Protein backbone atom coordinates (compact mmCIF):
# COMPACT_ATOMS: atom_id res chain seq x y z
CA MET A 1 -31.10 34.56 28.06
CA ASP A 2 -30.07 33.92 24.63
CA ARG A 3 -29.84 37.31 23.09
CA SER A 4 -29.57 35.76 19.86
CA ARG A 5 -32.86 34.24 19.83
CA PRO A 6 -35.10 36.24 22.23
CA VAL A 7 -38.63 34.88 22.35
CA VAL A 8 -40.21 38.62 21.47
CA SER A 9 -38.99 41.22 19.34
CA ILE A 10 -40.37 44.54 20.04
CA GLY A 11 -39.74 46.67 16.94
CA MET A 12 -39.81 50.84 17.73
CA PRO A 13 -39.88 52.99 14.85
CA VAL A 14 -38.71 56.74 16.04
CA TYR A 15 -38.53 60.14 14.80
CA ASN A 16 -37.88 63.15 16.77
CA GLY A 17 -39.09 61.48 19.73
CA GLU A 18 -37.10 62.93 22.59
CA LYS A 19 -40.23 64.13 24.72
CA TYR A 20 -41.99 60.87 25.34
CA ILE A 21 -39.58 58.21 24.37
CA ARG A 22 -37.97 57.94 28.04
CA ASP A 23 -41.51 56.90 29.17
CA ALA A 24 -41.99 54.56 26.32
CA LEU A 25 -38.66 52.90 26.88
CA ASP A 26 -38.80 52.57 30.60
CA SER A 27 -42.68 51.17 30.00
CA LEU A 28 -41.10 48.67 27.99
CA LEU A 29 -38.06 47.64 29.80
CA GLY A 30 -39.94 47.28 33.07
CA GLN A 31 -42.03 44.57 31.59
CA SER A 32 -42.76 41.24 33.73
CA PHE A 33 -41.74 39.21 30.52
CA ALA A 34 -38.12 39.38 30.33
CA ASP A 35 -36.93 37.47 27.17
CA PHE A 36 -37.20 39.90 24.30
CA GLU A 37 -35.12 42.31 22.04
CA LEU A 38 -36.13 45.86 21.61
CA ILE A 39 -35.07 47.27 17.93
CA ILE A 40 -35.03 50.92 17.51
CA SER A 41 -34.84 52.23 14.46
CA ASP A 42 -34.00 56.14 14.07
CA ASN A 43 -35.36 57.65 11.28
CA ALA A 44 -32.34 60.58 11.17
CA SER A 45 -34.01 62.46 14.09
CA THR A 46 -32.71 65.85 14.38
CA ASP A 47 -33.38 66.38 18.11
CA ALA A 48 -32.02 64.23 21.29
CA THR A 49 -33.46 60.94 20.53
CA GLU A 50 -30.12 59.42 19.57
CA SER A 51 -28.12 60.34 22.98
CA ILE A 52 -31.38 59.43 24.82
CA CYS A 53 -31.66 55.92 22.72
CA ARG A 54 -27.73 55.29 22.87
CA ASN A 55 -27.78 55.75 26.66
CA TYR A 56 -30.22 53.46 27.17
CA ALA A 57 -28.79 50.85 24.81
CA GLU A 58 -25.46 51.25 26.90
CA GLN A 59 -27.47 50.17 30.21
CA ASP A 60 -29.31 47.64 28.84
CA GLN A 61 -28.10 44.68 26.40
CA ARG A 62 -31.85 44.12 25.10
CA ILE A 63 -31.74 47.37 22.90
CA ARG A 64 -30.30 47.10 19.66
CA TYR A 65 -30.33 50.84 18.72
CA ILE A 66 -29.72 51.64 14.60
CA ARG A 67 -29.61 55.15 13.16
CA GLN A 68 -30.77 55.46 9.38
CA GLN A 69 -28.42 57.80 7.54
CA LYS A 70 -31.37 59.48 5.94
CA ASN A 71 -35.28 59.25 6.49
CA LEU A 72 -36.73 56.41 5.23
CA GLY A 73 -40.42 57.46 5.76
CA ALA A 74 -42.73 56.33 8.48
CA LEU A 75 -43.83 52.58 6.81
CA PRO A 76 -40.66 51.51 5.86
CA ASN A 77 -39.11 52.27 9.20
CA PHE A 78 -42.07 49.89 10.61
CA GLN A 79 -40.94 47.44 8.09
CA PHE A 80 -36.94 48.00 9.04
CA VAL A 81 -37.65 47.03 12.50
CA LEU A 82 -39.85 43.83 11.42
CA ASN A 83 -37.30 42.65 8.90
CA GLU A 84 -34.73 43.16 11.90
CA ALA A 85 -36.49 41.05 14.26
CA CYS A 86 -35.89 36.96 15.14
CA GLY A 87 -37.96 36.32 17.85
CA GLU A 88 -40.95 34.04 17.41
CA TYR A 89 -43.38 36.77 18.39
CA PHE A 90 -43.21 40.31 17.30
CA MET A 91 -44.89 43.51 18.27
CA TRP A 92 -44.63 47.44 17.23
CA ALA A 93 -44.39 50.09 19.89
CA ALA A 94 -44.95 53.67 19.40
CA CYS A 95 -42.16 55.72 20.59
CA ASP A 96 -44.83 57.95 22.89
CA ASP A 97 -46.97 55.27 24.39
CA LYS A 98 -47.02 53.42 27.55
CA TRP A 99 -47.90 49.66 28.32
CA ASP A 100 -49.46 47.76 31.38
CA ARG A 101 -46.28 45.63 33.22
CA ASP A 102 -47.86 42.78 32.19
CA TRP A 103 -48.81 43.68 28.79
CA VAL A 104 -46.31 41.37 26.84
CA GLU A 105 -46.59 38.49 28.97
CA SER A 106 -50.54 38.62 29.18
CA LEU A 107 -50.70 38.75 25.34
CA LYS A 108 -48.11 35.99 24.58
CA SER A 109 -49.99 33.65 27.13
CA ALA A 110 -53.07 34.46 25.06
CA LEU A 111 -51.53 33.28 21.98
CA GLU A 112 -50.05 30.17 23.61
CA ASN A 113 -53.32 29.02 25.06
CA SER A 114 -55.47 29.94 21.56
CA GLY A 115 -53.00 29.19 18.80
CA VAL A 116 -54.33 32.32 17.02
CA GLY A 117 -51.66 34.92 15.45
CA ALA A 118 -52.51 38.22 17.23
CA ALA A 119 -53.66 39.50 20.56
CA PHE A 120 -54.28 42.80 21.55
CA GLY A 121 -55.29 44.19 25.27
CA ARG A 122 -57.73 47.09 25.89
CA LEU A 123 -57.18 50.54 25.10
CA MET A 124 -56.82 54.00 27.06
CA HIS A 125 -56.03 57.39 25.88
CA ILE A 126 -53.54 59.18 27.87
CA ASP A 127 -52.46 63.14 27.46
CA GLU A 128 -49.19 64.88 27.30
CA VAL A 129 -48.44 64.27 30.99
CA SER A 130 -49.96 60.76 31.06
CA GLN A 131 -53.15 61.63 32.41
CA LEU A 132 -56.09 59.47 31.32
CA LEU A 133 -58.26 61.42 28.92
CA ARG A 134 -61.87 61.41 28.65
CA HIS A 135 -62.13 59.68 25.30
CA PRO A 136 -65.50 57.61 23.58
CA ALA A 137 -63.12 54.62 22.51
CA ASN A 138 -61.54 54.26 26.17
CA GLY A 139 -61.73 50.67 27.61
CA ARG A 140 -62.21 49.19 24.01
CA THR A 141 -60.98 45.69 23.50
CA PHE A 142 -60.77 44.46 19.57
CA LYS A 143 -61.83 41.22 18.67
CA PHE A 144 -62.44 39.72 15.12
CA ARG A 145 -62.95 35.87 15.48
CA GLY A 146 -64.25 33.08 12.83
CA GLY A 147 -63.58 32.78 9.33
CA SER A 148 -61.77 35.58 7.40
CA LEU A 149 -64.82 37.06 5.63
CA ARG A 150 -66.70 37.39 8.98
CA ARG A 151 -63.81 39.10 10.58
CA ARG A 152 -63.26 41.41 7.87
CA ILE A 153 -66.75 42.43 7.38
CA LYS A 154 -66.80 43.28 11.15
CA TYR A 155 -63.41 45.40 10.77
CA PHE A 156 -64.97 47.16 7.68
CA ILE A 157 -68.04 48.07 9.44
CA GLU A 158 -66.67 49.60 12.44
CA PHE A 159 -65.76 53.52 12.48
CA GLU A 160 -62.28 54.39 12.20
CA ARG A 161 -61.96 57.03 14.62
CA TYR A 162 -63.30 54.49 17.48
CA GLY A 163 -59.70 53.32 17.96
CA LYS A 164 -59.93 50.24 15.49
CA ALA A 165 -56.59 51.11 13.86
CA ASN A 166 -54.51 50.12 17.03
CA PRO A 167 -54.74 46.33 16.72
CA ILE A 168 -51.37 47.01 14.49
CA TYR A 169 -49.90 47.19 18.22
CA SER A 170 -51.18 43.55 18.65
CA LEU A 171 -48.56 40.93 19.70
CA PHE A 172 -48.01 38.79 16.61
CA ARG A 173 -46.69 35.45 15.71
CA ARG A 174 -43.83 36.56 13.57
CA SER A 175 -45.05 33.95 10.94
CA VAL A 176 -48.10 35.96 10.55
CA LEU A 177 -46.06 39.23 9.34
CA ARG A 178 -43.47 36.99 7.30
CA ASP A 179 -44.99 38.33 3.68
CA ILE A 180 -46.15 41.82 4.48
CA GLU A 181 -44.95 44.71 2.55
CA LEU A 182 -46.25 47.85 4.52
CA ALA A 183 -45.06 50.24 1.24
CA ALA A 184 -48.05 48.75 -0.60
CA TYR A 185 -50.18 50.71 2.13
CA HIS A 186 -51.17 54.28 2.93
CA VAL A 187 -52.64 53.99 6.29
CA ASP A 188 -52.87 51.57 9.20
CA PHE A 189 -56.50 50.35 8.89
CA HIS A 190 -56.00 48.91 5.64
CA ILE A 191 -53.06 47.04 7.19
CA VAL A 192 -55.11 45.47 9.83
CA PHE A 193 -57.84 44.58 7.51
CA ASP A 194 -55.35 42.67 4.94
CA LEU A 195 -53.84 40.65 8.42
CA LEU A 196 -57.37 39.83 8.77
CA LEU A 197 -57.12 37.26 6.24
CA LYS A 198 -54.18 35.40 7.80
CA THR A 199 -55.28 35.84 11.26
CA GLU A 200 -57.81 36.26 13.93
CA ILE A 201 -57.25 38.75 16.82
CA ILE A 202 -58.15 38.28 20.05
CA SER A 203 -58.73 40.25 22.96
CA VAL A 204 -56.97 40.22 26.46
CA PRO A 205 -59.06 42.65 28.40
CA ASN A 206 -57.02 42.82 31.91
CA THR A 207 -54.25 44.39 30.24
CA VAL A 208 -54.02 48.04 28.59
CA LEU A 209 -52.07 50.10 25.97
CA TYR A 210 -51.86 53.68 26.87
CA LYS A 211 -52.09 55.68 23.53
CA ARG A 212 -50.87 59.10 23.84
CA VAL A 213 -52.42 61.99 22.45
CA HIS A 214 -50.92 64.89 21.59
CA ALA A 215 -50.40 67.67 19.03
CA THR A 216 -47.88 66.06 16.67
CA SER A 217 -49.07 62.27 17.33
CA GLU A 218 -51.01 60.19 14.47
CA GLY A 219 -53.91 60.05 16.91
CA SER A 220 -54.51 63.81 16.84
CA ARG A 221 -53.89 64.27 13.19
CA SER A 222 -56.05 61.17 12.11
CA GLY A 223 -59.14 62.95 14.13
CA ASP A 224 -58.89 60.36 17.49
CA SER A 225 -58.81 63.34 19.80
CA LEU A 226 -62.16 63.60 21.28
CA GLY A 227 -61.30 67.81 20.79
CA THR A 228 -60.19 67.57 17.20
CA ALA A 229 -62.97 65.14 16.35
CA LEU A 230 -65.67 67.49 17.95
CA ARG A 231 -64.17 70.52 16.03
CA ARG A 232 -63.88 68.99 12.65
CA TRP A 233 -67.73 69.68 12.03
CA SER A 234 -67.29 68.39 8.39
CA TYR A 235 -67.15 64.83 9.59
CA LEU A 236 -70.78 65.32 10.75
CA LEU A 237 -71.66 65.83 7.45
CA MET A 238 -69.99 62.56 6.26
CA PRO A 239 -69.06 60.12 9.16
CA LEU A 240 -68.34 57.44 6.31
CA ASP A 241 -64.91 58.66 5.10
CA ILE A 242 -64.70 58.11 1.61
CA GLY A 243 -60.82 57.56 1.33
CA PHE A 244 -60.70 55.05 4.09
CA THR A 245 -63.90 53.21 2.91
CA TRP A 246 -62.59 53.02 -0.72
CA GLY A 247 -59.24 51.40 0.47
CA TYR A 248 -61.45 48.31 1.77
CA PHE A 249 -63.20 48.08 -1.71
CA ARG A 250 -59.80 47.87 -3.55
CA GLN A 251 -58.18 45.58 -1.16
CA GLY A 252 -61.66 43.45 -0.97
CA LYS A 253 -62.66 40.11 -2.76
CA VAL A 254 -65.54 40.22 -4.97
CA VAL A 255 -68.03 38.81 -2.50
CA GLU A 256 -66.65 40.75 0.34
CA ASN A 257 -67.16 43.97 -1.72
CA CYS A 258 -70.68 43.13 -2.39
CA LEU A 259 -71.35 42.65 1.44
CA PHE A 260 -69.42 45.95 2.08
CA LEU A 261 -71.90 47.71 -0.08
CA ILE A 262 -74.82 46.09 1.71
CA CYS A 263 -73.09 47.08 5.08
CA LEU A 264 -72.44 50.60 4.35
CA PRO A 265 -75.60 51.92 5.88
CA VAL A 266 -74.80 50.52 9.07
CA LYS A 267 -71.08 51.82 8.69
CA PHE A 268 -72.61 55.30 8.34
CA ILE A 269 -74.81 54.84 11.13
CA LEU A 270 -71.97 53.88 13.62
CA GLY A 271 -70.41 56.99 12.30
CA TYR A 272 -72.92 59.18 13.78
CA ALA A 273 -73.25 57.30 16.70
CA PHE A 274 -69.60 58.14 17.51
CA TYR A 275 -70.10 61.61 17.41
CA LEU A 276 -73.51 61.55 19.22
CA LYS A 277 -71.30 59.53 22.03
CA SER A 278 -68.24 62.04 22.00
CA MET A 279 -70.99 65.33 21.82
CA ALA A 280 -72.65 63.97 24.94
CA LEU A 281 -69.24 63.14 26.44
CA LYS A 282 -68.03 66.68 25.89
CA ALA A 283 -71.35 68.17 27.18
CA ARG A 284 -71.13 65.89 30.39
CA LEU A 285 -67.72 67.22 30.99
CA ASN A 286 -68.65 71.02 30.48
CA LEU A 287 -71.70 70.51 32.92
CA PHE A 288 -69.06 69.28 35.59
CA GLY A 289 -66.60 71.78 35.02
CA PHE A 290 -63.93 69.78 33.12
């Protein structure tokens, strides 16, 4: 393997990830496809993240560990690992997630066979001890095909808490990400939305990303946790999140924005459908004593 030019670059931005990063690293280093570099950018962690990462780097030459002198902020750290990449393909990896063993190999094969710029597998949610959570978005795949207008409208309509930010963790052709400036965004939804101008996203349903939900995770804070979502009753009154929705309009073209206005009632209905499904699931779990 030519370490200077791996086929795949994996970028892992991390800050205080000591609790779960061993699981994440073991999951990545155990991938069936081995020709990759793993770039870890430690955002000036104050816990044991540094010692854990240095220990792993000493044992596996595919790891390149970089410790930032000061905290750059989340999105600049995501940008940093992308800028450091040299592989033909690139993926971001969260320091608290896990992946099926064939995740990289399956997505890479799909990109090679299809010629598109991004591929994502199936989504499942796990808890702090890696047990599967019952979540309305479990089993979801994300497929945005056709022209850029069609795929961006489809993305706009989908409800945010149904997992649609997760394609940011797709395997990309690095050329698709060449000109992206993450500092221009506030949330990952809008990053994916703009990437859909450049590329289709295909679905590979036979391989799984296990998204960990815990007290300090992005998923928990953004309402992706079923329990958290159901406790936020204010969202039942307004499933159409104005902040996220306005962001799409700011990034949209004139024709797109006109169509977004037409589609707003559909987006609103899908938001309510998510909460109805969530409540039905919670009631079913309570019925059976879970």
